[in-house]
N, C-alpha and C. Protein backbone atom coordinates (compact mmCIF):
# COMPACT_ATOMS: atom_id res chain seq x y z
N MET A 1 0.85 -1.18 0.00
CA MET A 1 0.00 0.00 0.00
C MET A 1 0.89 1.24 0.00
N PRO A 2 0.86 2.04 -1.05
CA PRO A 2 1.67 3.25 -1.06
C PRO A 2 1.19 4.23 0.00
N GLY A 3 2.12 4.84 0.68
CA GLY A 3 1.78 5.88 1.63
C GLY A 3 1.37 5.40 3.01
N HIS A 4 1.45 4.11 3.29
CA HIS A 4 1.05 3.66 4.62
C HIS A 4 2.22 3.79 5.59
N ILE A 5 1.89 3.81 6.87
CA ILE A 5 2.88 3.94 7.93
C ILE A 5 2.64 2.80 8.91
N LEU A 6 3.68 2.02 9.18
CA LEU A 6 3.57 0.96 10.19
C LEU A 6 3.72 1.58 11.57
N LEU A 7 2.80 1.26 12.45
CA LEU A 7 2.84 1.84 13.79
C LEU A 7 3.53 0.93 14.79
N ASN A 8 4.03 -0.20 14.35
CA ASN A 8 4.67 -1.15 15.26
C ASN A 8 6.19 -1.10 15.21
N GLU A 9 6.74 -0.19 14.43
CA GLU A 9 8.20 -0.12 14.32
C GLU A 9 8.63 1.31 14.01
N GLY A 10 9.90 1.56 14.16
CA GLY A 10 10.47 2.87 13.82
C GLY A 10 9.97 4.00 14.70
N ARG A 11 10.02 5.20 14.14
CA ARG A 11 9.67 6.41 14.90
C ARG A 11 8.20 6.45 15.31
N MET A 12 7.35 5.74 14.61
CA MET A 12 5.92 5.76 14.91
C MET A 12 5.53 4.76 16.00
N ARG A 13 6.47 3.98 16.49
CA ARG A 13 6.17 2.94 17.48
C ARG A 13 5.46 3.50 18.72
N ALA A 14 5.72 4.74 19.05
CA ALA A 14 5.06 5.36 20.21
C ALA A 14 3.55 5.45 20.02
N HIS A 15 3.08 5.35 18.78
CA HIS A 15 1.65 5.44 18.48
C HIS A 15 1.00 4.07 18.29
N LYS A 16 1.70 3.02 18.66
CA LYS A 16 1.21 1.65 18.47
C LYS A 16 -0.16 1.43 19.10
N ALA A 17 -0.45 2.10 20.18
CA ALA A 17 -1.74 1.92 20.87
C ALA A 17 -2.92 2.30 19.98
N PHE A 18 -2.69 3.11 18.95
CA PHE A 18 -3.77 3.53 18.06
C PHE A 18 -4.13 2.47 17.03
N GLY A 19 -3.25 1.52 16.77
CA GLY A 19 -3.50 0.50 15.77
C GLY A 19 -2.19 -0.03 15.22
N ASP A 20 -2.26 -0.69 14.07
CA ASP A 20 -1.07 -1.31 13.50
C ASP A 20 -0.55 -0.61 12.25
N ILE A 21 -1.46 -0.09 11.44
CA ILE A 21 -1.08 0.57 10.19
C ILE A 21 -1.89 1.85 10.06
N LEU A 22 -1.25 2.92 9.62
CA LEU A 22 -1.93 4.18 9.40
C LEU A 22 -1.88 4.47 7.90
N VAL A 23 -3.04 4.76 7.31
CA VAL A 23 -3.13 5.15 5.90
C VAL A 23 -3.54 6.62 5.87
N PRO A 24 -2.64 7.51 5.40
CA PRO A 24 -2.99 8.94 5.36
C PRO A 24 -4.16 9.21 4.42
N CYS A 25 -5.18 9.85 4.93
CA CYS A 25 -6.36 10.23 4.17
C CYS A 25 -6.82 11.59 4.69
N ALA A 26 -7.75 12.19 3.99
CA ALA A 26 -8.34 13.43 4.47
C ALA A 26 -9.84 13.24 4.50
N PRO A 27 -10.57 13.71 5.41
CA PRO A 27 -10.20 14.63 6.47
C PRO A 27 -9.57 13.96 7.69
N THR A 28 -9.64 12.65 7.79
CA THR A 28 -8.98 11.96 8.90
C THR A 28 -8.17 10.80 8.35
N ASN A 29 -7.12 10.43 9.05
CA ASN A 29 -6.35 9.25 8.67
C ASN A 29 -7.13 8.00 9.04
N VAL A 30 -6.83 6.90 8.35
CA VAL A 30 -7.46 5.62 8.66
C VAL A 30 -6.43 4.79 9.40
N VAL A 31 -6.82 4.27 10.55
CA VAL A 31 -5.95 3.40 11.33
C VAL A 31 -6.50 1.98 11.22
N ILE A 32 -5.63 1.06 10.82
CA ILE A 32 -6.02 -0.33 10.64
C ILE A 32 -5.53 -1.13 11.84
N SER A 33 -6.45 -1.83 12.45
CA SER A 33 -6.13 -2.70 13.58
C SER A 33 -6.18 -4.13 13.09
N VAL A 34 -5.04 -4.79 13.11
CA VAL A 34 -4.94 -6.16 12.60
C VAL A 34 -5.01 -7.13 13.78
N LYS A 35 -5.93 -8.05 13.70
CA LYS A 35 -6.08 -9.10 14.71
C LYS A 35 -5.97 -10.44 14.02
N SER A 36 -5.84 -11.51 14.77
CA SER A 36 -5.70 -12.83 14.16
C SER A 36 -7.08 -13.43 13.89
N GLU A 37 -7.50 -14.40 14.68
CA GLU A 37 -8.77 -15.09 14.44
C GLU A 37 -9.88 -14.67 15.39
N LYS A 38 -9.55 -14.00 16.45
CA LYS A 38 -10.54 -13.61 17.45
C LYS A 38 -10.57 -12.09 17.57
N ALA A 39 -11.76 -11.54 17.62
CA ALA A 39 -11.89 -10.09 17.76
C ALA A 39 -11.87 -9.70 19.24
N ARG A 40 -12.75 -10.34 20.01
CA ARG A 40 -12.91 -10.03 21.44
C ARG A 40 -12.99 -8.52 21.65
N GLU A 41 -12.68 -8.07 22.82
CA GLU A 41 -12.71 -6.65 23.13
C GLU A 41 -11.50 -5.92 22.55
N ARG A 42 -10.44 -6.65 22.24
CA ARG A 42 -9.23 -6.00 21.71
C ARG A 42 -9.53 -5.26 20.41
N LEU A 43 -10.34 -5.84 19.55
CA LEU A 43 -10.70 -5.14 18.31
C LEU A 43 -11.62 -3.97 18.61
N LEU A 44 -12.60 -4.20 19.43
CA LEU A 44 -13.59 -3.17 19.73
C LEU A 44 -12.93 -1.88 20.21
N TYR A 45 -11.97 -1.99 21.09
CA TYR A 45 -11.38 -0.78 21.66
C TYR A 45 -10.11 -0.33 20.96
N SER A 46 -9.72 -1.00 19.89
CA SER A 46 -8.50 -0.59 19.19
C SER A 46 -8.73 0.61 18.28
N SER A 47 -9.96 0.95 17.99
CA SER A 47 -10.21 2.07 17.09
C SER A 47 -10.02 3.42 17.77
N ASN A 48 -10.18 3.50 19.06
CA ASN A 48 -9.96 4.74 19.80
C ASN A 48 -10.80 5.90 19.30
N ALA A 49 -12.00 5.61 18.77
CA ALA A 49 -12.94 6.63 18.32
C ALA A 49 -12.37 7.52 17.21
N ILE A 50 -11.43 6.99 16.44
CA ILE A 50 -10.97 7.69 15.24
C ILE A 50 -11.31 6.78 14.06
N GLU A 51 -11.19 7.28 12.86
CA GLU A 51 -11.54 6.49 11.68
C GLU A 51 -10.75 5.19 11.70
N GLY A 52 -11.42 4.08 12.00
CA GLY A 52 -10.73 2.81 12.16
C GLY A 52 -11.23 1.74 11.22
N VAL A 53 -10.32 0.80 10.96
CA VAL A 53 -10.63 -0.36 10.14
C VAL A 53 -10.12 -1.58 10.87
N GLY A 54 -10.97 -2.59 10.96
CA GLY A 54 -10.55 -3.86 11.55
C GLY A 54 -10.23 -4.85 10.45
N TYR A 55 -9.22 -5.68 10.68
CA TYR A 55 -8.80 -6.67 9.69
C TYR A 55 -8.37 -7.91 10.44
N GLY A 56 -8.91 -9.05 10.03
CA GLY A 56 -8.49 -10.29 10.67
C GLY A 56 -9.08 -11.52 10.00
N PHE A 57 -8.51 -12.65 10.34
CA PHE A 57 -8.99 -13.93 9.83
C PHE A 57 -9.99 -14.50 10.82
N PHE A 58 -10.95 -13.68 11.19
CA PHE A 58 -11.92 -13.99 12.23
C PHE A 58 -12.68 -15.28 11.92
N ASP A 59 -12.79 -16.15 12.92
CA ASP A 59 -13.45 -17.43 12.72
C ASP A 59 -14.62 -17.66 13.66
N GLU A 60 -15.04 -16.63 14.37
CA GLU A 60 -16.20 -16.74 15.26
C GLU A 60 -17.21 -15.66 14.88
N PRO A 61 -18.11 -15.98 13.93
CA PRO A 61 -19.05 -14.97 13.44
C PRO A 61 -19.94 -14.37 14.54
N GLU A 62 -20.20 -15.13 15.58
CA GLU A 62 -21.07 -14.63 16.65
C GLU A 62 -20.48 -13.41 17.36
N GLU A 63 -19.20 -13.14 17.17
CA GLU A 63 -18.59 -11.94 17.75
C GLU A 63 -19.08 -10.66 17.07
N PHE A 64 -19.76 -10.79 15.94
CA PHE A 64 -20.07 -9.62 15.13
C PHE A 64 -21.55 -9.36 14.90
N TRP A 65 -22.45 -10.26 15.27
CA TRP A 65 -23.81 -10.10 14.76
C TRP A 65 -24.84 -9.52 15.72
N SER A 66 -24.53 -9.24 16.94
CA SER A 66 -25.56 -8.66 17.81
C SER A 66 -25.71 -7.16 17.50
N PRO A 67 -26.95 -6.66 17.58
CA PRO A 67 -27.16 -5.22 17.33
C PRO A 67 -26.32 -4.34 18.26
N SER A 68 -26.15 -4.75 19.51
CA SER A 68 -25.36 -3.92 20.43
C SER A 68 -23.89 -3.91 20.03
N ARG A 69 -23.37 -5.04 19.54
CA ARG A 69 -21.97 -5.07 19.11
C ARG A 69 -21.78 -4.21 17.85
N MET A 70 -22.72 -4.29 16.92
CA MET A 70 -22.62 -3.48 15.71
C MET A 70 -22.68 -1.99 16.06
N ALA A 71 -23.53 -1.63 17.01
CA ALA A 71 -23.63 -0.24 17.45
C ALA A 71 -22.32 0.22 18.09
N LEU A 72 -21.71 -0.65 18.87
CA LEU A 72 -20.43 -0.30 19.50
C LEU A 72 -19.33 -0.10 18.47
N TYR A 73 -19.28 -0.95 17.45
CA TYR A 73 -18.27 -0.76 16.40
C TYR A 73 -18.44 0.60 15.73
N LYS A 74 -19.66 0.98 15.46
CA LYS A 74 -19.90 2.29 14.84
C LYS A 74 -19.53 3.42 15.80
N ARG A 75 -19.93 3.26 17.05
CA ARG A 75 -19.64 4.30 18.04
C ARG A 75 -18.14 4.50 18.24
N MET A 76 -17.39 3.41 18.11
CA MET A 76 -15.94 3.50 18.27
C MET A 76 -15.25 3.99 17.00
N GLY A 77 -16.00 4.23 15.93
CA GLY A 77 -15.44 4.85 14.74
C GLY A 77 -15.01 3.90 13.64
N PHE A 78 -15.45 2.64 13.67
CA PHE A 78 -15.07 1.72 12.61
C PHE A 78 -15.81 2.03 11.31
N SER A 79 -15.05 2.15 10.23
CA SER A 79 -15.63 2.32 8.90
C SER A 79 -15.87 0.98 8.25
N ALA A 80 -15.01 0.01 8.57
CA ALA A 80 -15.13 -1.32 7.98
C ALA A 80 -14.41 -2.34 8.85
N ILE A 81 -14.91 -3.55 8.79
CA ILE A 81 -14.24 -4.68 9.44
C ILE A 81 -14.15 -5.78 8.38
N TYR A 82 -12.93 -6.14 8.04
CA TYR A 82 -12.66 -7.13 6.99
C TYR A 82 -12.48 -8.50 7.61
N MET A 83 -13.12 -9.50 7.00
CA MET A 83 -13.08 -10.86 7.52
C MET A 83 -13.16 -11.84 6.36
N PRO A 84 -12.82 -13.12 6.61
CA PRO A 84 -12.92 -14.11 5.54
C PRO A 84 -14.35 -14.24 5.02
N ALA A 85 -14.46 -14.64 3.75
CA ALA A 85 -15.77 -14.76 3.10
C ALA A 85 -16.71 -15.68 3.87
N THR A 86 -16.21 -16.78 4.42
CA THR A 86 -17.08 -17.72 5.14
C THR A 86 -17.63 -17.09 6.41
N THR A 87 -16.81 -16.34 7.12
CA THR A 87 -17.27 -15.66 8.33
C THR A 87 -18.25 -14.55 7.96
N LEU A 88 -17.93 -13.80 6.93
CA LEU A 88 -18.82 -12.72 6.47
C LEU A 88 -20.18 -13.29 6.09
N HIS A 89 -20.19 -14.38 5.37
CA HIS A 89 -21.46 -15.00 4.97
C HIS A 89 -22.28 -15.42 6.20
N ALA A 90 -21.62 -16.03 7.19
CA ALA A 90 -22.32 -16.46 8.40
C ALA A 90 -22.87 -15.25 9.17
N VAL A 91 -22.08 -14.19 9.27
CA VAL A 91 -22.53 -12.98 9.97
C VAL A 91 -23.74 -12.39 9.27
N MET A 92 -23.64 -12.20 7.96
CA MET A 92 -24.72 -11.54 7.24
C MET A 92 -25.98 -12.41 7.15
N THR A 93 -25.82 -13.72 7.12
CA THR A 93 -26.98 -14.61 7.15
C THR A 93 -27.74 -14.43 8.46
N GLU A 94 -27.03 -14.37 9.56
CA GLU A 94 -27.65 -14.16 10.88
C GLU A 94 -28.27 -12.77 10.97
N VAL A 95 -27.52 -11.76 10.58
CA VAL A 95 -27.99 -10.38 10.66
C VAL A 95 -29.24 -10.18 9.81
N THR A 96 -29.21 -10.65 8.59
CA THR A 96 -30.35 -10.51 7.69
C THR A 96 -31.53 -11.34 8.18
N GLY A 97 -31.26 -12.55 8.62
CA GLY A 97 -32.32 -13.44 9.11
C GLY A 97 -33.08 -12.88 10.29
N LYS A 98 -32.40 -12.09 11.10
CA LYS A 98 -33.04 -11.50 12.28
C LYS A 98 -33.54 -10.08 12.02
N GLY A 99 -33.40 -9.61 10.78
CA GLY A 99 -33.89 -8.28 10.44
C GLY A 99 -33.05 -7.14 10.98
N HIS A 100 -31.76 -7.38 11.19
CA HIS A 100 -30.87 -6.36 11.74
C HIS A 100 -29.95 -5.74 10.69
N ASP A 101 -30.31 -5.87 9.41
CA ASP A 101 -29.46 -5.36 8.33
C ASP A 101 -29.08 -3.90 8.53
N HIS A 102 -30.02 -3.11 9.02
CA HIS A 102 -29.78 -1.67 9.19
C HIS A 102 -28.67 -1.37 10.19
N HIS A 103 -28.32 -2.35 11.03
CA HIS A 103 -27.21 -2.16 11.97
C HIS A 103 -25.85 -2.45 11.34
N ALA A 104 -25.84 -3.23 10.25
CA ALA A 104 -24.59 -3.68 9.65
C ALA A 104 -24.04 -2.68 8.63
N VAL A 105 -24.23 -1.40 8.91
CA VAL A 105 -23.67 -0.34 8.08
C VAL A 105 -22.81 0.56 8.96
N ASN A 106 -21.86 1.23 8.34
CA ASN A 106 -21.00 2.12 9.12
C ASN A 106 -21.64 3.51 9.23
N ILE A 107 -20.93 4.44 9.81
CA ILE A 107 -21.46 5.79 10.01
C ILE A 107 -21.70 6.52 8.69
N ASN A 108 -21.13 5.99 7.59
CA ASN A 108 -21.30 6.59 6.27
C ASN A 108 -22.42 5.93 5.48
N GLY A 109 -23.09 4.94 6.08
CA GLY A 109 -24.19 4.26 5.41
C GLY A 109 -23.77 3.16 4.45
N THR A 110 -22.50 2.75 4.48
CA THR A 110 -22.04 1.66 3.63
C THR A 110 -21.75 0.43 4.50
N ASP A 111 -21.47 -0.69 3.86
CA ASP A 111 -21.28 -1.95 4.59
C ASP A 111 -20.20 -1.83 5.66
N LEU A 112 -20.55 -2.22 6.87
CA LEU A 112 -19.58 -2.28 7.95
C LEU A 112 -18.69 -3.51 7.80
N TYR A 113 -19.29 -4.64 7.47
CA TYR A 113 -18.56 -5.90 7.34
C TYR A 113 -18.24 -6.16 5.88
N ARG A 114 -16.97 -6.52 5.61
CA ARG A 114 -16.52 -6.70 4.22
C ARG A 114 -15.61 -7.90 4.11
N ASP A 115 -15.55 -8.42 2.91
CA ASP A 115 -14.70 -9.56 2.59
C ASP A 115 -13.23 -9.12 2.59
N LEU A 116 -12.34 -9.99 3.06
CA LEU A 116 -10.91 -9.69 3.03
C LEU A 116 -10.43 -9.33 1.62
N ALA A 117 -11.05 -9.94 0.61
CA ALA A 117 -10.66 -9.68 -0.78
C ALA A 117 -10.91 -8.22 -1.19
N ASP A 118 -11.77 -7.52 -0.48
CA ASP A 118 -12.07 -6.12 -0.80
C ASP A 118 -11.11 -5.13 -0.15
N PHE A 119 -10.28 -5.62 0.76
CA PHE A 119 -9.40 -4.73 1.53
C PHE A 119 -8.45 -3.93 0.63
N GLY A 120 -7.69 -4.59 -0.22
CA GLY A 120 -6.72 -3.90 -1.08
C GLY A 120 -7.37 -2.86 -1.96
N PRO A 121 -8.40 -3.23 -2.73
CA PRO A 121 -9.06 -2.23 -3.58
C PRO A 121 -9.66 -1.06 -2.77
N ASP A 122 -10.24 -1.35 -1.61
CA ASP A 122 -10.80 -0.28 -0.79
C ASP A 122 -9.72 0.68 -0.31
N MET A 123 -8.59 0.15 0.17
CA MET A 123 -7.52 1.01 0.67
C MET A 123 -6.89 1.81 -0.47
N ALA A 124 -6.72 1.19 -1.63
CA ALA A 124 -6.17 1.91 -2.78
C ALA A 124 -7.08 3.06 -3.19
N ARG A 125 -8.39 2.86 -3.05
CA ARG A 125 -9.35 3.87 -3.45
C ARG A 125 -9.33 5.08 -2.50
N ILE A 126 -9.08 4.86 -1.22
CA ILE A 126 -9.17 5.97 -0.27
C ILE A 126 -7.83 6.58 0.10
N ALA A 127 -6.72 5.88 -0.14
CA ALA A 127 -5.40 6.39 0.26
C ALA A 127 -5.16 7.77 -0.34
N GLY A 128 -4.88 8.73 0.52
CA GLY A 128 -4.63 10.09 0.09
C GLY A 128 -5.89 10.87 -0.25
N ARG A 129 -7.06 10.24 -0.12
CA ARG A 129 -8.33 10.90 -0.40
C ARG A 129 -9.16 10.92 0.88
N SER A 130 -10.40 11.24 0.73
CA SER A 130 -11.29 11.30 1.87
C SER A 130 -11.59 9.92 2.41
N ALA A 131 -11.42 9.74 3.70
CA ALA A 131 -11.74 8.48 4.34
C ALA A 131 -13.24 8.24 4.34
N LEU A 132 -14.02 9.27 4.10
CA LEU A 132 -15.46 9.13 4.12
C LEU A 132 -15.98 8.32 2.94
N ASP A 133 -15.14 8.04 1.95
CA ASP A 133 -15.55 7.24 0.80
C ASP A 133 -15.62 5.76 1.11
N LEU A 134 -15.16 5.34 2.25
CA LEU A 134 -15.12 3.92 2.59
C LEU A 134 -16.46 3.42 3.07
């Protein structure tokens, strides 16, 4: 990703608490929080109420489908949370089946949950531009 800054090494290491990767955008930078297979509370609070993106190989869809959890992700500033296609399908099947689709959108009215395959194209589209396009 051109223009990204790693927050886990070098001079930016002091900002590691904000996330793992920073992508400069306007009007706010996007901070990407990378997790492995479990989101737990670590993902929820990693956004720090700034424009945040979650990324992980999440394998527990139930961590994402309650209306209160979706509301918390939005409140904490998440624009998107990227997960494997199988997890995304399970989350959206549950969300849609229970009539909670309106919760599975970000503060910009676009999909909160996204396929890992969409991460690269999404970041390329917003890098150096408005983060509100995500």
